[in-house]
Amino acid sequence: MWDTWFMLDLIVNCFFIVDIVVNLMCAYVDSEGKLVKSRWRIFLKYFKSWLLIDLVSSVPYSLLPSDATSSGGNYNGSMSLLRLPRLYRLFRISRVVKLLKKYKNSEFIEKLQDFFNLKTNRVRLLTTVITLAICIHIAACLWYFSAKINGFYYDTWIFRNGLMDENTGTLYLTSLYWAIATLSTVGYGDIYARTILEKIFAIIWMIFTVYVFSFVIGSLSNMLSGADSKENVLISKLAIIDEFAKEANLEKGLKHRLRIALRYSTEKTGFSWADKQNIFNELPKNFRYEVAMAMHRGAAKDLTFFADKDQVVVASIVPFLQPMFAKGTELVYDKDEFSDEIYFVVKGNISYVFGKENKIIRSTQRGGYFGDIEVVSRITRKYAALAVRDSELLIMGKALINITMEEYPHIWDEIVLVAAERDNINQRTIAEIEVLNAMKKKGELTSINMVKYKKEVDKFMTRMKYKDLKKRVNLDPKKPSLEDININDLNDKIDSIFKGIEMLENQIKELGQMSAIARSPGRAKLPPLVKKGSKSPNVRRLSNSFSVISSLSLVRSSRSCLYI
């Protein structure tokens, strides 16, 4: 009687009894978040849940006296039936698993998940497999117990299959075989139910397996299909590229570059702007900065632009930067391309180049950014950007630029100032290179007149600024007319008009300065805005702005009267 299994069973009973005492002694948190310490309320809560089942399951039935002899083959059936509640305690495993996240054990599970680098889908798959294995184990034990309750009578499945003299391992394996065969709806018929208890349990298990089988198959298919979200996103994008390349009749080389760019972008991100926004909106504010600094392999730590920025700014911009890979000697963008992106260099070296020979103006190393000059000036690309070696970039797109302008104007003002300084340096560098080339052709490099050299550089820079201004005027969108403005408030309408007037005044002032420079002695004649005899709508609009300003001057003076 006092063997190893008996002692182990007794120890388990002791643990069950201790568990009951602990549950009756411990306070709990109610639905309102209040700590309940009343022993009566603690008892009622436990009584309504698991108290009775725990009490019945904790009784040491093995210590109760049993008849050594069996009457009519009944192996102490009444005492065996009393032990059934103990088996019911096994069904609490699923409840315990569900409650793990509410207790400290959940931290251990999450640490295990992080340690083994398991994705959520794989954890769900593992949980499903373990749950299914536990259910099969319980069914096998109950199938064996259905024969034991009847004292291994001649009608029981163990007696009919000649397994009376087999050891416990063989009986468990046979029970497991029956449970799995029934679960998989195979049912070979070699082991079947004959007694009433066996038939009842077989019916319950078959009904249960219909639900379990359909649920498990559906869950597994969903989990396996979503096991690698990035791969699914990539496959979808590549299919779209194939269809687009076929319709647009793209060259194989261009199609190949598109596929490489898509693979790199999907590998680094895999999700759309909307997906990232939804995720970040759900995160607590104190976590957003930490997540932002960890994204893109911690690239934000090496970007000088974000070194002195507020945490809110970093959390609002960094997560939505799009990765890009530029191969060595490959253009990031070419001259005269549309400009709506700013690039941050995570790794590599990017240089501004101009001319047919791709002369280098300025290089941007790791941690810097480029592409801001044209975006700020609202013009097409003035220079080409060449990757000197393999480079990894992060792109601030148009949507993110607009958010920065609207929500963080002080950051945008800083970008504008830096862009103006860089533009002036780049223009001076180009001017010096071009002037030196011109002097080289004339053979004047042997004796350089520094005064003349500086004047020529200033002239060249003036022409470049004039071209930039002309380009910006041509790219400015058409301003809405008074008829297009639908504002109910008269004051708002007047403010909108004055903003347009101020913009026209600034453009006229800049053109006037350029014209004065062109007419000054010793200065090179600047190219006209339009050819002789042509009618440019932009120039006509600017010239007519004088009359617009004068005609609205009364409105400016009368505006103050509206507030009197």
Protein backbone atom coordinates (compact mmCIF):
# COMPACT_ATOMS: atom_id res chain seq x y z
CA MET A 1 0.00 0.00 0.00
CA TRP A 2 2.69 2.47 1.01
CA ASP A 3 4.54 2.40 -2.28
CA THR A 4 6.06 5.29 -4.24
CA TRP A 5 2.91 6.09 -6.23
CA PHE A 6 0.81 6.02 -3.08
CA MET A 7 3.12 8.51 -1.38
CA LEU A 8 3.17 10.74 -4.45
CA ASP A 9 -0.62 10.68 -4.57
CA LEU A 10 -0.76 11.60 -0.90
CA ILE A 11 1.63 14.52 -1.43
CA VAL A 12 -0.52 15.81 -4.29
CA ASN A 13 -3.56 15.65 -1.99
CA CYS A 14 -1.69 17.71 0.57
CA PHE A 15 -0.89 20.35 -2.05
CA PHE A 16 -4.56 20.46 -3.06
CA ILE A 17 -5.60 21.02 0.57
CA VAL A 18 -2.99 23.78 0.99
CA ASP A 19 -4.32 25.37 -2.21
CA ILE A 20 -7.82 25.49 -0.71
CA VAL A 21 -6.54 27.14 2.48
CA VAL A 22 -4.54 29.73 0.48
CA ASN A 23 -7.57 30.59 -1.67
CA LEU A 24 -9.69 31.10 1.47
CA MET A 25 -7.04 33.31 3.10
CA CYS A 26 -6.09 35.52 0.13
CA ALA A 27 -7.86 38.77 -0.73
CA TYR A 28 -8.94 39.52 -4.28
CA VAL A 29 -9.58 42.54 -6.50
CA ASP A 30 -13.19 43.07 -7.54
CA SER A 31 -14.51 44.39 -10.86
CA GLU A 32 -14.15 48.00 -9.66
CA GLY A 33 -10.48 47.53 -8.85
CA LYS A 34 -10.98 47.52 -5.07
CA LEU A 35 -9.16 45.09 -2.80
CA VAL A 36 -11.65 42.85 -0.98
CA LYS A 37 -10.43 41.66 2.44
CA SER A 38 -13.70 40.45 3.93
CA ARG A 39 -13.36 36.73 4.67
CA TRP A 40 -17.08 36.19 4.14
CA ARG A 41 -16.96 37.71 0.65
CA ILE A 42 -13.78 35.75 -0.13
CA PHE A 43 -15.53 32.54 0.97
CA LEU A 44 -18.64 33.32 -1.12
CA LYS A 45 -16.57 34.04 -4.22
CA TYR A 46 -14.61 30.80 -3.85
CA PHE A 47 -17.77 28.85 -2.99
CA LYS A 48 -19.44 30.03 -6.22
CA SER A 49 -16.47 28.93 -8.30
CA TRP A 50 -14.25 25.96 -7.39
CA LEU A 51 -14.58 25.30 -3.64
CA LEU A 52 -16.85 22.24 -3.79
CA ILE A 53 -14.90 20.65 -6.64
CA ASP A 54 -11.59 21.31 -4.87
CA LEU A 55 -12.90 19.80 -1.63
CA VAL A 56 -14.11 16.63 -3.32
CA SER A 57 -10.90 16.37 -5.35
CA SER A 58 -8.70 16.81 -2.27
CA VAL A 59 -10.16 13.99 -0.18
CA PRO A 60 -7.51 11.21 0.19
CA TYR A 61 -9.68 8.39 -1.09
CA SER A 62 -6.68 6.07 -1.17
CA LEU A 63 -6.70 6.03 2.64
CA LEU A 64 -10.31 4.85 2.78
CA PRO A 65 -10.76 1.09 3.38
CA SER A 66 -11.64 -1.01 0.33
CA ASP A 67 -12.78 -4.62 -0.05
CA ALA A 68 -10.08 -6.95 -1.23
CA THR A 69 -12.56 -9.14 -2.95
CA SER A 70 -14.86 -8.12 -5.72
CA SER A 71 -18.43 -9.24 -5.98
CA GLY A 72 -19.44 -10.36 -9.48
CA GLY A 73 -16.32 -8.90 -11.00
CA ASN A 74 -17.08 -5.43 -9.63
CA TYR A 75 -13.75 -4.01 -8.52
CA ASN A 76 -14.87 -1.80 -5.66
CA GLY A 77 -17.04 0.17 -8.09
CA SER A 78 -18.51 2.54 -5.52
CA MET A 79 -15.08 3.58 -4.25
CA SER A 80 -13.77 3.98 -7.78
CA LEU A 81 -16.66 6.24 -8.68
CA LEU A 82 -15.80 8.40 -5.69
CA ARG A 83 -12.38 9.02 -7.22
CA LEU A 84 -13.85 10.54 -10.40
CA PRO A 85 -13.89 14.11 -8.99
CA ARG A 86 -10.08 13.91 -8.74
CA LEU A 87 -9.92 13.52 -12.50
CA TYR A 88 -12.14 16.54 -12.94
CA ARG A 89 -9.38 18.63 -11.41
CA LEU A 90 -7.33 17.95 -14.52
CA PHE A 91 -9.80 20.04 -16.52
CA ARG A 92 -8.71 23.06 -14.51
CA ILE A 93 -5.50 23.11 -16.54
CA SER A 94 -7.18 25.09 -19.32
CA ARG A 95 -8.49 27.58 -16.77
CA VAL A 96 -5.06 27.92 -15.20
CA VAL A 97 -3.52 28.60 -18.62
CA LYS A 98 -6.07 31.36 -19.24
CA LEU A 99 -5.33 32.94 -15.86
CA LEU A 100 -1.54 32.89 -16.29
CA LYS A 101 -1.51 36.36 -17.84
CA LYS A 102 -3.16 37.85 -14.75
CA TYR A 103 -0.47 36.59 -12.42
CA LYS A 104 3.30 36.69 -12.15
CA ASN A 105 3.70 33.48 -14.09
CA SER A 106 2.78 35.37 -17.24
CA GLU A 107 6.02 37.34 -16.96
CA PHE A 108 7.91 34.07 -16.99
CA ILE A 109 6.07 32.94 -20.13
CA GLU A 110 6.78 36.25 -21.88
CA LYS A 111 10.45 36.00 -20.94
CA LEU A 112 10.54 32.52 -22.42
CA GLN A 113 8.93 33.85 -25.58
CA ASP A 114 11.53 36.62 -25.82
CA PHE A 115 14.40 34.24 -25.01
CA PHE A 116 13.48 31.80 -27.78
CA ASN A 117 12.48 34.69 -30.09
CA LEU A 118 9.06 33.18 -30.75
CA LYS A 119 6.46 35.08 -32.73
CA THR A 120 2.92 35.41 -31.42
CA ASN A 121 1.54 33.08 -34.07
CA ARG A 122 4.05 30.40 -33.15
CA VAL A 123 3.19 30.74 -29.47
CA ARG A 124 -0.49 30.33 -30.34
CA LEU A 125 0.35 27.27 -32.41
CA LEU A 126 2.38 25.79 -29.56
CA THR A 127 -0.41 26.52 -27.08
CA THR A 128 -2.96 24.82 -29.33
CA VAL A 129 -0.79 21.73 -29.72
CA ILE A 130 -0.19 21.49 -25.95
CA THR A 131 -3.90 21.94 -25.20
CA LEU A 132 -4.80 19.25 -27.72
CA ALA A 133 -2.21 16.89 -26.25
CA ILE A 134 -3.63 17.42 -22.74
CA CYS A 135 -7.17 16.70 -23.96
CA ILE A 136 -6.00 13.48 -25.65
CA HIS A 137 -4.14 12.46 -22.50
CA ILE A 138 -7.22 13.02 -20.33
CA ALA A 139 -9.41 11.08 -22.78
CA ALA A 140 -6.95 8.17 -22.74
CA CYS A 141 -6.95 8.12 -18.93
CA LEU A 142 -10.74 8.20 -18.77
CA TRP A 143 -10.99 5.44 -21.37
CA TYR A 144 -8.75 3.25 -19.21
CA PHE A 145 -10.70 4.25 -16.11
CA SER A 146 -13.99 3.22 -17.77
CA ALA A 147 -12.72 -0.36 -17.69
CA LYS A 148 -11.21 -0.09 -14.23
CA ILE A 149 -14.49 1.13 -12.69
CA ASN A 150 -16.16 -2.06 -13.90
CA GLY A 151 -13.38 -4.14 -12.36
CA PHE A 152 -11.97 -5.16 -15.77
CA TYR A 153 -15.12 -7.25 -16.28
CA TYR A 154 -15.29 -9.57 -19.30
CA ASP A 155 -17.31 -6.97 -21.27
CA THR A 156 -14.71 -4.21 -20.81
CA TRP A 157 -12.40 -3.35 -23.67
CA ILE A 158 -9.29 -4.46 -21.75
CA PHE A 159 -10.65 -7.98 -21.15
CA ARG A 160 -12.03 -8.35 -24.69
CA ASN A 161 -8.68 -7.42 -26.25
CA GLY A 162 -6.67 -9.73 -24.00
CA LEU A 163 -4.80 -6.94 -22.22
CA MET A 164 -5.38 -8.08 -18.65
CA ASP A 165 -1.77 -9.09 -18.10
CA GLU A 166 -0.20 -6.08 -19.89
CA ASN A 167 1.74 -3.46 -17.97
CA THR A 168 0.58 0.12 -17.35
CA GLY A 169 2.62 1.54 -20.24
CA THR A 170 0.99 -0.76 -22.78
CA LEU A 171 -2.49 0.00 -21.45
CA TYR A 172 -1.80 3.76 -21.60
CA LEU A 173 -0.46 3.50 -25.16
CA THR A 174 -3.53 1.49 -26.21
CA SER A 175 -5.85 4.06 -24.59
CA LEU A 176 -3.94 6.84 -26.33
CA TYR A 177 -4.29 4.99 -29.64
CA TRP A 178 -8.09 4.78 -29.19
CA ALA A 179 -8.37 8.48 -28.26
CA ILE A 180 -6.35 9.64 -31.29
CA ALA A 181 -8.16 7.26 -33.67
CA THR A 182 -11.50 8.61 -32.47
CA LEU A 183 -10.27 12.22 -32.64
CA SER A 184 -9.11 11.82 -36.23
CA THR A 185 -12.46 10.16 -37.12
CA VAL A 186 -10.60 7.07 -38.38
CA GLY A 187 -12.08 4.53 -35.96
CA TYR A 188 -10.56 1.24 -37.13
CA GLY A 189 -12.99 -0.76 -34.97
CA ASP A 190 -10.38 -2.94 -33.31
CA ILE A 191 -11.10 -1.21 -29.98
CA TYR A 192 -14.74 -0.27 -29.46
CA ALA A 193 -17.18 0.41 -26.62
CA ARG A 194 -19.52 -2.28 -25.27
CA THR A 195 -20.37 -1.47 -21.65
CA ILE A 196 -22.76 1.35 -20.76
CA LEU A 197 -20.02 3.50 -19.26
CA GLU A 198 -17.76 2.96 -22.27
CA LYS A 199 -20.54 3.91 -24.67
CA ILE A 200 -21.40 7.04 -22.69
CA PHE A 201 -17.78 8.18 -22.61
CA ALA A 202 -17.26 7.31 -26.30
CA ILE A 203 -20.31 9.42 -27.25
CA ILE A 204 -19.04 12.36 -25.18
CA TRP A 205 -15.54 12.09 -26.67
CA MET A 206 -16.84 11.86 -30.25
CA ILE A 207 -19.04 14.94 -29.79
CA PHE A 208 -16.11 16.76 -28.24
CA THR A 209 -13.73 15.72 -31.02
CA VAL A 210 -16.08 17.02 -33.73
CA TYR A 211 -15.78 20.47 -32.20
CA VAL A 212 -12.08 20.16 -31.38
CA PHE A 213 -11.14 18.82 -34.81
CA SER A 214 -12.93 21.59 -36.70
CA PHE A 215 -11.66 24.28 -34.33
CA VAL A 216 -8.06 23.09 -34.39
CA ILE A 217 -7.97 22.76 -38.18
CA GLY A 218 -9.42 26.25 -38.63
CA SER A 219 -7.06 27.77 -36.07
CA LEU A 220 -4.02 26.05 -37.53
CA SER A 221 -4.83 27.20 -41.05
CA ASN A 222 -5.26 30.80 -39.87
CA MET A 223 -2.08 30.71 -37.81
CA LEU A 224 -0.02 29.11 -40.55
CA SER A 225 -1.31 31.56 -43.16
CA GLY A 226 -0.35 34.46 -40.90
CA ALA A 227 2.84 32.89 -39.56
CA ASP A 228 5.00 35.23 -41.64
CA SER A 229 3.17 38.48 -42.24
CA LYS A 230 6.09 40.10 -44.05
CA GLU A 231 6.37 37.23 -46.49
CA ASN A 232 2.66 37.46 -47.29
CA VAL A 233 2.89 41.21 -47.79
CA LEU A 234 5.94 40.77 -50.04
CA ILE A 235 4.24 38.11 -52.17
CA SER A 236 1.24 40.38 -52.66
CA LYS A 237 3.43 43.35 -53.64
CA LEU A 238 5.53 41.29 -56.05
CA ALA A 239 2.39 40.01 -57.75
CA ILE A 240 1.23 43.60 -58.24
CA ILE A 241 4.65 44.55 -59.65
CA ASP A 242 4.49 41.68 -62.14
CA GLU A 243 1.08 42.78 -63.38
CA PHE A 244 2.14 46.42 -63.53
CA ALA A 245 5.36 45.61 -65.41
CA LYS A 246 3.38 43.59 -67.92
CA GLU A 247 0.84 46.36 -68.54
CA ALA A 248 3.43 49.15 -68.63
CA ASN A 249 5.84 47.06 -70.75
CA LEU A 250 8.75 47.77 -68.41
CA GLU A 251 12.25 46.60 -69.21
CA LYS A 252 13.60 43.56 -67.40
CA GLY A 253 16.34 45.60 -65.74
CA LEU A 254 13.87 48.13 -64.34
CA LYS A 255 11.56 45.36 -63.22
CA HIS A 256 14.46 43.66 -61.43
CA ARG A 257 15.39 46.89 -59.61
CA LEU A 258 11.78 47.35 -58.56
CA ARG A 259 11.68 43.85 -57.10
CA ILE A 260 14.93 44.44 -55.17
CA ALA A 261 13.62 47.74 -53.76
CA LEU A 262 10.36 46.10 -52.72
CA ARG A 263 12.13 43.21 -51.03
CA TYR A 264 14.35 45.57 -49.04
CA SER A 265 11.47 47.86 -48.03
CA THR A 266 9.24 44.95 -46.99
CA GLU A 267 12.05 43.29 -45.04
CA LYS A 268 12.64 46.47 -43.06
CA THR A 269 9.01 47.49 -42.54
CA GLY A 270 6.40 45.09 -43.90
CA PHE A 271 3.52 47.31 -42.83
CA SER A 272 1.80 50.34 -44.22
CA TRP A 273 1.66 53.86 -42.81
CA ALA A 274 -1.88 53.23 -41.52
CA ASP A 275 -0.83 50.04 -39.73
CA LYS A 276 2.00 51.84 -37.94
CA GLN A 277 -0.24 54.74 -36.98
CA ASN A 278 -2.84 52.39 -35.52
CA ILE A 279 -0.22 50.54 -33.50
CA PHE A 280 1.43 53.72 -32.18
CA ASN A 281 -1.90 55.32 -31.28
CA GLU A 282 -2.61 52.35 -29.01
CA LEU A 283 0.77 52.56 -27.27
CA PRO A 284 1.14 54.59 -24.05
CA LYS A 285 2.97 57.86 -24.62
CA ASN A 286 5.92 56.89 -22.43
CA PHE A 287 6.53 53.79 -24.57
CA ARG A 288 6.39 55.54 -27.95
CA TYR A 289 9.79 57.21 -27.56
CA GLU A 290 11.48 53.97 -26.47
CA VAL A 291 9.96 52.09 -29.39
CA ALA A 292 10.93 54.86 -31.82
CA MET A 293 14.56 54.81 -30.65
CA ALA A 294 14.68 51.03 -31.03
CA MET A 295 13.17 50.98 -34.52
CA HIS A 296 15.30 50.73 -37.66
CA ARG A 297 17.95 48.95 -35.55
CA GLY A 298 18.40 52.03 -33.36
CA ALA A 299 19.23 54.30 -36.30
CA ALA A 300 17.76 57.39 -34.60
CA LYS A 301 20.59 57.33 -32.05
CA ASP A 302 23.12 58.03 -34.83
CA LEU A 303 21.10 60.69 -36.69
CA THR A 304 22.32 64.13 -35.63
CA PHE A 305 19.01 65.71 -36.63
CA PHE A 306 17.21 63.97 -33.73
CA ALA A 307 20.04 64.39 -31.19
CA ASP A 308 18.58 67.51 -29.56
CA LYS A 309 14.92 66.97 -30.41
CA ASP A 310 12.13 66.49 -27.91
CA GLN A 311 10.90 62.96 -27.25
CA VAL A 312 7.49 63.81 -28.69
CA VAL A 313 9.08 64.91 -31.97
CA VAL A 314 11.19 61.76 -32.20
CA ALA A 315 8.20 59.52 -31.46
CA SER A 316 6.13 61.31 -34.11
CA ILE A 317 8.67 61.15 -36.95
CA VAL A 318 11.12 58.24 -36.58
CA PRO A 319 8.61 55.33 -36.62
CA PHE A 320 7.18 56.48 -39.95
CA LEU A 321 10.45 56.92 -41.83
CA GLN A 322 10.63 54.54 -44.78
CA PRO A 323 13.84 52.53 -45.34
CA MET A 324 15.65 52.54 -48.67
CA PHE A 325 18.78 50.82 -49.94
CA ALA A 326 20.99 52.56 -52.51
CA LYS A 327 23.63 50.47 -54.22
CA GLY A 328 27.08 51.97 -54.80
CA THR A 329 27.35 54.24 -57.91
CA GLU A 330 23.54 54.32 -58.09
CA LEU A 331 21.56 57.57 -58.19
CA VAL A 332 19.19 58.17 -55.29
CA TYR A 333 17.51 60.81 -57.44
CA ASP A 334 18.46 62.71 -60.59
CA LYS A 335 18.51 66.37 -61.44
CA ASP A 336 15.14 68.02 -62.25
CA GLU A 337 13.16 65.23 -60.60
CA PHE A 338 10.15 66.13 -58.47
CA SER A 339 11.17 66.81 -54.88
CA ASP A 340 8.94 65.72 -52.01
CA GLU A 341 11.27 63.65 -49.80
CA ILE A 342 14.11 64.24 -47.35
CA TYR A 343 16.69 61.48 -46.85
CA PHE A 344 18.58 60.49 -43.67
CA VAL A 345 21.82 58.52 -44.08
CA VAL A 346 21.91 55.51 -41.75
CA LYS A 347 24.91 53.89 -43.40
CA GLY A 348 27.11 54.78 -46.35
CA ASN A 349 27.97 57.99 -48.19
CA ILE A 350 25.80 60.14 -50.49
CA SER A 351 27.22 62.97 -52.61
CA TYR A 352 25.64 65.87 -54.47
CA VAL A 353 26.89 65.81 -58.08
CA PHE A 354 26.31 68.06 -61.09
CA GLY A 355 27.29 68.21 -64.72
CA LYS A 356 27.94 65.45 -67.21
CA GLU A 357 31.07 64.41 -65.35
CA ASN A 358 29.17 64.07 -62.03
CA LYS A 359 31.41 66.51 -60.19
CA ILE A 360 31.00 66.18 -56.41
CA ILE A 361 29.76 69.29 -54.62
CA ARG A 362 29.23 68.00 -51.09
CA SER A 363 29.07 64.61 -49.37
CA THR A 364 26.68 63.49 -46.64
CA GLN A 365 28.07 60.89 -44.28
CA ARG A 366 26.36 58.60 -41.78
CA GLY A 367 24.07 60.53 -39.45
CA GLY A 368 23.40 63.42 -41.83
CA TYR A 369 20.50 64.20 -44.14
CA PHE A 370 20.03 65.63 -47.63
CA GLY A 371 17.32 66.50 -50.15
CA ASP A 372 15.98 69.30 -47.97
CA ILE A 373 17.03 72.23 -50.17
CA GLU A 374 14.60 71.58 -53.01
CA VAL A 375 11.76 70.56 -50.68
CA VAL A 376 12.05 73.80 -48.73
CA SER A 377 12.41 75.91 -51.90
CA ARG A 378 9.53 74.05 -53.62
CA ILE A 379 11.54 73.41 -56.77
CA THR A 380 12.66 70.36 -58.69
CA ARG A 381 15.97 68.74 -57.81
CA LYS A 382 18.88 71.11 -58.42
CA TYR A 383 21.48 68.37 -58.18
CA ALA A 384 21.68 64.63 -58.50
CA ALA A 385 22.33 62.53 -55.39
CA LEU A 386 24.79 59.69 -55.97
CA ALA A 387 25.52 56.80 -53.60
CA VAL A 388 29.31 56.61 -53.39
CA ARG A 389 29.03 53.16 -51.80
CA ASP A 390 26.24 50.87 -50.63
CA SER A 391 24.05 53.01 -48.40
CA GLU A 392 21.03 52.57 -46.16
CA LEU A 393 18.65 55.52 -45.99
CA LEU A 394 15.51 56.55 -44.15
CA ILE A 395 13.01 58.63 -46.12
CA MET A 396 10.80 61.38 -44.74
CA GLY A 397 7.92 61.39 -47.20
CA LYS A 398 5.51 64.13 -48.17
CA ALA A 399 2.89 63.16 -45.59
CA LEU A 400 5.45 63.23 -42.79
CA ILE A 401 6.85 66.56 -44.02
CA ASN A 402 3.36 68.09 -43.93
CA ILE A 403 2.86 66.81 -40.38
CA THR A 404 6.17 68.37 -39.34
CA MET A 405 5.22 71.70 -40.91
CA GLU A 406 1.81 71.80 -39.24
CA GLU A 407 2.47 70.29 -35.81
CA TYR A 408 6.11 71.26 -35.23
CA PRO A 409 6.70 74.61 -36.97
CA HIS A 410 9.85 75.30 -34.92
CA ILE A 411 11.41 72.11 -36.29
CA TRP A 412 10.45 73.08 -39.82
CA ASP A 413 11.94 76.57 -39.34
CA GLU A 414 15.20 74.91 -38.34
CA ILE A 415 15.12 72.76 -41.48
CA VAL A 416 14.48 75.86 -43.60
CA LEU A 417 17.44 77.75 -42.10
CA VAL A 418 19.82 74.84 -42.51
CA ALA A 419 18.63 74.31 -46.09
CA ALA A 420 19.29 77.97 -46.93
CA GLU A 421 22.84 77.77 -45.55
CA ARG A 422 23.53 74.54 -47.43
CA ASP A 423 22.11 75.94 -50.64
CA ASN A 424 24.35 78.99 -50.41
CA ILE A 425 27.43 76.81 -49.79
CA ASN A 426 26.56 74.49 -52.67
CA GLN A 427 25.97 77.37 -55.06
CA ARG A 428 29.28 78.96 -54.12
CA THR A 429 31.05 75.64 -54.63
CA ILE A 430 29.51 75.22 -58.09
CA ALA A 431 30.27 78.83 -58.97
CA GLU A 432 33.90 78.45 -57.96
CA ILE A 433 34.24 75.23 -59.98
CA GLU A 434 32.67 76.77 -63.07
CA VAL A 435 34.71 79.96 -62.83
CA LEU A 436 37.93 77.99 -62.41
CA ASN A 437 37.05 75.86 -65.43
CA ALA A 438 36.40 79.00 -67.49
CA MET A 439 39.70 80.51 -66.38
CA LYS A 440 41.45 77.24 -67.20
CA LYS A 441 40.15 77.36 -70.76
CA LYS A 442 41.42 80.93 -71.10
CA GLY A 443 44.79 80.04 -69.59
CA GLU A 444 44.35 82.40 -66.62
CA LEU A 445 45.06 79.89 -63.85
CA THR A 446 48.76 80.78 -63.73
CA SER A 447 48.03 84.25 -62.34
CA ILE A 448 44.62 84.55 -60.69
CA ASN A 449 43.27 88.01 -59.95
CA MET A 450 41.38 87.38 -56.69
CA VAL A 451 39.22 90.49 -57.05
CA LYS A 452 38.11 89.47 -60.52
CA TYR A 453 37.73 85.87 -59.37
CA LYS A 454 35.37 86.85 -56.53
CA LYS A 455 33.33 89.07 -58.85
CA GLU A 456 32.91 86.25 -61.35
CA VAL A 457 31.86 83.88 -58.58
CA ASP A 458 29.29 86.41 -57.34
CA LYS A 459 27.93 86.84 -60.87
CA PHE A 460 27.56 83.11 -61.33
CA MET A 461 25.79 82.75 -57.96
CA THR A 462 23.42 85.56 -58.90
CA ARG A 463 22.47 83.80 -62.12
CA MET A 464 21.85 80.56 -60.21
CA LYS A 465 19.61 82.29 -57.69
CA TYR A 466 17.73 83.96 -60.51
CA LYS A 467 17.08 80.58 -62.15
CA ASP A 468 15.91 79.13 -58.83
CA LEU A 469 13.49 82.02 -58.35
CA LYS A 470 12.13 81.60 -61.85
CA LYS A 471 11.69 77.87 -61.25
CA ARG A 472 9.89 78.50 -57.96
CA VAL A 473 7.54 81.04 -59.57
CA ASN A 474 6.62 78.56 -62.29
CA LEU A 475 5.99 75.77 -59.78
CA ASP A 476 3.85 77.83 -57.39
CA PRO A 477 0.24 76.64 -57.50
CA LYS A 478 -2.42 78.96 -58.79
CA LYS A 479 -3.90 81.02 -55.99
CA PRO A 480 -7.67 80.83 -55.60
CA SER A 481 -9.70 83.79 -56.75
CA LEU A 482 -12.22 85.63 -54.59
CA GLU A 483 -15.01 83.63 -56.23
CA ASP A 484 -13.33 80.35 -55.23
CA ILE A 485 -13.04 81.31 -51.58
CA ASN A 486 -16.01 80.06 -49.63
CA ILE A 487 -15.64 81.65 -46.20
CA ASN A 488 -18.60 82.84 -44.19
CA ASP A 489 -16.65 85.11 -41.91
CA LEU A 490 -15.64 88.38 -43.59
CA ASN A 491 -12.53 88.76 -41.44
CA ASP A 492 -11.24 85.33 -42.51
CA LYS A 493 -11.84 86.27 -46.14
CA ILE A 494 -9.83 89.47 -45.77
CA ASP A 495 -6.98 87.58 -44.06
CA SER A 496 -6.86 85.16 -46.98
CA ILE A 497 -6.65 88.06 -49.44
CA PHE A 498 -3.81 89.75 -47.55
CA LYS A 499 -1.80 86.55 -47.43
CA GLY A 500 -1.97 86.39 -51.22
CA ILE A 501 -0.98 90.05 -51.45
CA GLU A 502 2.03 89.56 -49.17
CA MET A 503 3.21 86.63 -51.28
CA LEU A 504 2.93 88.71 -54.46
CA GLU A 505 4.79 91.59 -52.83
CA ASN A 506 7.66 89.29 -51.83
CA GLN A 507 7.92 87.88 -55.35
CA ILE A 508 7.91 91.38 -56.87
CA LYS A 509 10.56 92.50 -54.41
CA GLU A 510 12.85 89.58 -55.27
CA LEU A 511 12.42 90.18 -59.01
CA GLY A 512 13.15 93.86 -58.50
CA GLN A 513 16.37 93.07 -56.67
CA MET A 514 17.47 90.71 -59.42
CA SER A 515 16.72 93.32 -62.08
CA ALA A 516 18.73 95.93 -60.16
CA ILE A 517 21.68 93.57 -59.94
CA ALA A 518 21.46 92.86 -63.65
CA ARG A 519 21.43 96.60 -64.53
CA SER A 520 24.33 97.46 -62.22
CA PRO A 521 27.68 98.22 -63.95
CA GLY A 522 30.18 95.41 -64.05
CA ARG A 523 27.51 92.78 -63.67
CA ALA A 524 26.72 90.14 -66.27
CA LYS A 525 23.42 90.53 -68.00
CA LEU A 526 20.87 88.09 -66.63
CA PRO A 527 18.66 86.07 -68.93
CA PRO A 528 15.14 87.48 -69.15
CA LEU A 529 12.23 85.73 -67.49
CA VAL A 530 10.56 85.32 -70.87
CA LYS A 531 11.69 85.65 -74.41
CA LYS A 532 10.95 88.77 -76.32
CA GLY A 533 7.44 88.82 -77.71
CA SER A 534 6.23 85.95 -75.52
CA LYS A 535 3.38 86.28 -73.08
CA SER A 536 4.15 84.45 -69.85
CA PRO A 537 1.14 84.07 -67.58
CA ASN A 538 3.40 84.20 -64.52
CA VAL A 539 4.99 87.52 -65.50
CA ARG A 540 1.64 88.93 -66.56
CA ARG A 541 0.24 87.91 -63.19
CA LEU A 542 3.13 89.56 -61.34
CA SER A 543 2.87 92.76 -63.34
CA ASN A 544 -0.85 92.96 -62.75
CA SER A 545 -0.26 92.53 -59.04
CA PHE A 546 0.68 96.25 -58.80
CA SER A 547 -2.84 97.20 -59.77
CA VAL A 548 -4.27 94.52 -57.47
CA ILE A 549 -2.36 95.92 -54.51
CA SER A 550 -3.38 99.48 -55.22
CA SER A 551 -7.03 98.54 -55.74
CA LEU A 552 -7.09 96.69 -52.42
CA SER A 553 -5.28 99.36 -50.44
CA LEU A 554 -8.64 100.78 -49.40
CA VAL A 555 -9.59 97.39 -48.07
CA ARG A 556 -6.41 97.34 -45.97
CA SER A 557 -7.27 100.70 -44.44
CA SER A 558 -10.92 99.80 -43.95
CA ARG A 559 -10.07 96.49 -42.27
CA SER A 560 -9.38 98.25 -39.00
CA CYS A 561 -12.81 99.87 -39.20
CA LEU A 562 -14.45 96.46 -39.03
CA TYR A 563 -13.30 96.06 -35.44
CA ILE A 564 -14.49 99.51 -34.31
